[in-house]
Amino acid sequence: MTLFVYIALTISLIGMSFWLWLHRQPLHLPARGALTAGLVGLLLAAAAALLLVLTELGLDQAGVVHAQRMLGLAAQHLTLPLLGMACLFLALGLHWKPMVWSQIILGLMAFFELARRMELEQQYQWLVNLVGVAALLLAALLFARRHRLTAALGIIAASFLLAPGLFSDEMPLQGLFRTGEHASWLIPGFVALGLALGLFSTQQQSLISQK
């Protein structure tokens, strides 16, 4: 059952990434940068899930396990903040240069290292993931009247992705770091989040075209 869940999770993450990539090309430059940042988050999660599939299949050599731990750790700290901030960026119609997203990624990594040295890894992990969820929910709130489906998808994504951490002793997105019984919650969460990001980008592009 665990293997099936992670295969389904990997397929859904890769499929959602491909769908978002198709939405990326027609966008104006700032929105394309936000969508690319979201893709980075999704692909990190996809790579972590894929390596967990391989370890479940018995390919548990030291190199594969180490790579999975590194990618799983990165996904736990970057995926939700990047996707949440990308949704909020598009909902607000901001116009950052795409390079700002690389600075955000580097900043998140630097603060993780600082938190690790201060032995505050768990607190930092909760902080960055709650920031991502807060950004996602704010984006959903901003679109609640104009586009209810997009807002609903944002709320569904936040609920499914954060619920395992709130209602059990797991850390946020722990299912990307090691196999767990709540990993199935990540599938509808990431699908809803990917759809919300794609719709945010499409609607933002439509608003700009109407001006």
Protein backbone atom coordinates (compact mmCIF):
# COMPACT_ATOMS: atom_id res chain seq x y z
CA MET A 1 0.00 0.00 0.00
CA THR A 2 2.81 2.42 0.88
CA LEU A 3 4.52 1.77 -2.45
CA PHE A 4 1.27 2.44 -4.34
CA VAL A 5 0.76 5.73 -2.48
CA TYR A 6 4.25 6.97 -3.35
CA ILE A 7 3.94 5.90 -6.97
CA ALA A 8 0.65 7.82 -7.19
CA LEU A 9 2.25 10.81 -5.44
CA THR A 10 5.21 10.81 -7.84
CA ILE A 11 2.97 10.56 -10.91
CA SER A 12 0.69 13.34 -9.67
CA LEU A 13 3.61 15.66 -8.92
CA ILE A 14 5.28 15.04 -12.28
CA GLY A 15 1.97 15.41 -14.12
CA MET A 16 1.16 18.65 -12.32
CA SER A 17 4.64 19.99 -13.08
CA PHE A 18 4.19 19.23 -16.78
CA TRP A 19 0.77 20.92 -16.81
CA LEU A 20 2.20 24.03 -15.17
CA TRP A 21 5.12 24.08 -17.63
CA LEU A 22 2.62 24.26 -20.47
CA HIS A 23 1.03 27.28 -18.75
CA ARG A 24 4.39 29.02 -18.34
CA GLN A 25 5.26 30.03 -21.90
CA PRO A 26 2.43 32.51 -22.69
CA LEU A 27 2.85 34.43 -19.42
CA HIS A 28 4.51 37.81 -19.05
CA LEU A 29 7.98 37.76 -17.48
CA PRO A 30 7.14 38.39 -13.77
CA ALA A 31 4.33 35.80 -13.75
CA ARG A 32 6.60 33.34 -15.56
CA GLY A 33 9.18 33.77 -12.80
CA ALA A 34 6.57 33.04 -10.12
CA LEU A 35 5.38 29.95 -11.97
CA THR A 36 8.97 28.76 -12.38
CA ALA A 37 9.52 29.12 -8.62
CA GLY A 38 6.42 27.03 -8.04
CA LEU A 39 7.75 24.44 -10.47
CA VAL A 40 11.01 24.25 -8.52
CA GLY A 41 9.00 23.44 -5.40
CA LEU A 42 6.92 20.78 -7.13
CA LEU A 43 9.90 19.14 -8.81
CA LEU A 44 11.78 18.96 -5.51
CA ALA A 45 8.79 17.13 -4.04
CA ALA A 46 8.56 14.89 -7.12
CA ALA A 47 12.25 13.95 -6.92
CA ALA A 48 11.97 13.18 -3.20
CA ALA A 49 8.87 11.02 -3.78
CA LEU A 50 10.49 9.19 -6.70
CA LEU A 51 13.54 8.28 -4.64
CA LEU A 52 11.26 7.00 -1.88
CA VAL A 53 9.64 4.75 -4.50
CA LEU A 54 13.07 3.42 -5.45
CA THR A 55 13.99 2.72 -1.83
CA GLU A 56 10.64 0.95 -1.32
CA LEU A 57 11.48 -1.21 -4.35
CA GLY A 58 14.70 -2.28 -2.67
CA LEU A 59 17.16 0.15 -4.28
CA ASP A 60 18.43 1.28 -0.91
CA GLN A 61 22.12 1.84 -1.62
CA ALA A 62 23.82 4.49 0.44
CA GLY A 63 23.96 6.99 -2.43
CA VAL A 64 20.25 6.74 -3.18
CA VAL A 65 19.30 7.01 0.49
CA HIS A 66 21.56 10.04 0.96
CA ALA A 67 20.17 11.76 -2.14
CA GLN A 68 16.62 11.10 -0.97
CA ARG A 69 17.34 12.56 2.46
CA MET A 70 18.83 15.71 0.93
CA LEU A 71 15.99 16.21 -1.56
CA GLY A 72 13.37 15.34 1.05
CA LEU A 73 14.85 17.87 3.45
CA ALA A 74 14.90 20.52 0.71
CA ALA A 75 11.29 19.74 -0.24
CA GLN A 76 10.17 20.02 3.38
CA HIS A 77 11.62 23.52 3.68
CA LEU A 78 11.17 24.98 0.18
CA THR A 79 8.16 23.43 -1.55
CA LEU A 80 5.28 24.94 0.38
CA PRO A 81 6.85 28.40 0.91
CA LEU A 82 7.68 28.70 -2.80
CA LEU A 83 4.25 27.56 -3.97
CA GLY A 84 2.39 29.68 -1.42
CA MET A 85 4.38 32.82 -2.22
CA ALA A 86 4.01 32.22 -5.96
CA CYS A 87 0.22 32.06 -5.57
CA LEU A 88 0.20 35.26 -3.51
CA PHE A 89 2.51 36.99 -6.01
CA LEU A 90 0.09 36.19 -8.82
CA ALA A 91 -3.00 37.08 -6.79
CA LEU A 92 -1.55 40.51 -5.97
CA GLY A 93 -0.28 41.08 -9.51
CA LEU A 94 3.25 41.90 -8.34
CA HIS A 95 6.09 42.56 -10.76
CA TRP A 96 9.29 41.24 -9.22
CA LYS A 97 12.15 40.42 -11.50
CA PRO A 98 12.52 36.62 -11.87
CA MET A 99 15.95 36.74 -10.22
CA VAL A 100 14.27 37.70 -6.93
CA TRP A 101 12.96 34.14 -6.67
CA SER A 102 16.49 32.73 -6.71
CA GLN A 103 17.35 35.15 -3.90
CA ILE A 104 14.35 33.91 -1.92
CA ILE A 105 15.49 30.30 -2.37
CA LEU A 106 19.01 31.16 -1.25
CA GLY A 107 17.62 33.08 1.71
CA LEU A 108 15.47 30.14 2.82
CA MET A 109 18.49 27.85 2.58
CA ALA A 110 20.70 30.27 4.51
CA PHE A 111 18.17 30.64 7.32
CA PHE A 112 17.79 26.85 7.46
CA GLU A 113 21.52 26.53 8.01
CA LEU A 114 21.35 29.21 10.71
CA ALA A 115 18.44 27.41 12.39
CA ARG A 116 20.35 24.11 12.21
CA ARG A 117 23.37 25.64 13.93
CA MET A 118 21.10 27.09 16.62
CA GLU A 119 19.31 23.71 16.98
CA LEU A 120 15.99 25.23 15.94
CA GLU A 121 15.36 23.05 12.87
CA GLN A 122 11.84 21.98 13.86
CA GLN A 123 10.74 25.50 14.74
CA TYR A 124 12.13 26.82 11.47
CA GLN A 125 10.42 24.07 9.48
CA TRP A 126 7.08 24.94 11.02
CA LEU A 127 7.71 28.64 10.44
CA VAL A 128 8.47 28.42 6.72
CA ASN A 129 5.61 26.02 6.05
CA LEU A 130 3.12 28.15 7.99
CA VAL A 131 4.32 31.18 6.03
CA GLY A 132 3.67 29.25 2.81
CA VAL A 133 0.19 28.23 3.96
CA ALA A 134 -0.60 31.78 5.14
CA ALA A 135 0.44 33.16 1.73
CA LEU A 136 -1.72 30.56 -0.01
CA LEU A 137 -4.76 31.30 2.15
CA LEU A 138 -4.34 35.05 1.66
CA ALA A 139 -4.22 34.52 -2.10
CA ALA A 140 -7.38 32.41 -1.86
CA LEU A 141 -9.08 35.14 0.18
CA LEU A 142 -8.19 37.78 -2.40
CA PHE A 143 -9.80 35.67 -5.14
CA ALA A 144 -12.76 34.48 -3.06
CA ARG A 145 -15.30 36.72 -4.81
CA ARG A 146 -13.89 36.85 -8.33
CA HIS A 147 -12.88 33.22 -8.80
CA ARG A 148 -14.36 30.89 -6.21
CA LEU A 149 -12.90 27.73 -7.72
CA THR A 150 -9.34 29.05 -7.43
CA ALA A 151 -9.98 30.16 -3.86
CA ALA A 152 -11.50 26.78 -2.98
CA LEU A 153 -8.52 24.94 -4.44
CA GLY A 154 -6.16 27.03 -2.32
CA ILE A 155 -8.10 26.23 0.86
CA ILE A 156 -8.25 22.51 0.00
CA ALA A 157 -4.51 22.43 -0.68
CA ALA A 158 -3.65 24.16 2.60
CA SER A 159 -5.93 21.81 4.55
CA PHE A 160 -4.58 18.56 3.09
CA LEU A 161 -0.89 19.54 3.16
CA LEU A 162 -0.87 20.85 6.71
CA ALA A 163 -3.38 18.46 8.34
CA PRO A 164 -0.91 15.56 8.97
CA GLY A 165 1.36 17.91 10.89
CA LEU A 166 -1.49 19.48 12.88
CA PHE A 167 -3.34 16.28 13.83
CA SER A 168 -0.41 13.94 14.43
CA ASP A 169 3.14 14.15 15.68
CA GLU A 170 4.56 14.56 12.16
CA MET A 171 6.44 17.57 10.86
CA PRO A 172 5.01 19.39 7.82
CA LEU A 173 5.50 17.41 4.58
CA GLN A 174 7.29 14.66 6.51
CA GLY A 175 6.03 12.17 3.95
CA LEU A 176 8.57 13.61 1.49
CA PHE A 177 11.45 12.91 3.87
CA ARG A 178 10.52 9.37 4.89
CA THR A 179 7.66 7.02 4.14
CA GLY A 180 4.69 7.61 6.39
CA GLU A 181 1.08 6.61 6.85
CA HIS A 182 -0.21 10.10 6.05
CA ALA A 183 1.56 10.43 2.69
CA SER A 184 -1.72 9.89 0.83
CA TRP A 185 -2.87 13.29 2.11
CA LEU A 186 -0.17 14.91 0.00
CA ILE A 187 -1.71 13.75 -3.28
CA PRO A 188 -4.95 15.81 -3.19
CA GLY A 189 -3.05 18.62 -1.48
CA PHE A 190 -0.45 18.99 -4.21
CA VAL A 191 -2.94 18.45 -7.03
CA ALA A 192 -5.17 21.21 -5.63
CA LEU A 193 -2.18 23.48 -5.08
CA GLY A 194 -0.83 22.95 -8.59
CA LEU A 195 -4.24 23.62 -10.11
CA ALA A 196 -4.62 26.76 -7.99
CA LEU A 197 -1.22 28.05 -9.11
CA GLY A 198 -2.04 27.43 -12.76
CA LEU A 199 -5.40 29.19 -12.44
CA PHE A 200 -3.87 32.12 -10.57
CA SER A 201 -1.39 32.57 -13.42
CA THR A 202 -4.05 32.29 -16.12
CA GLN A 203 -6.39 34.74 -14.41
CA GLN A 204 -3.59 37.22 -13.75
CA GLN A 205 -2.60 37.07 -17.42
CA SER A 206 -6.24 37.69 -18.41
CA LEU A 207 -6.44 40.74 -16.14
CA ILE A 208 -3.30 42.20 -17.69
CA SER A 209 -4.58 41.56 -21.21
CA GLN A 210 -7.78 43.45 -20.43
CA LYS A 211 -5.91 46.58 -19.36
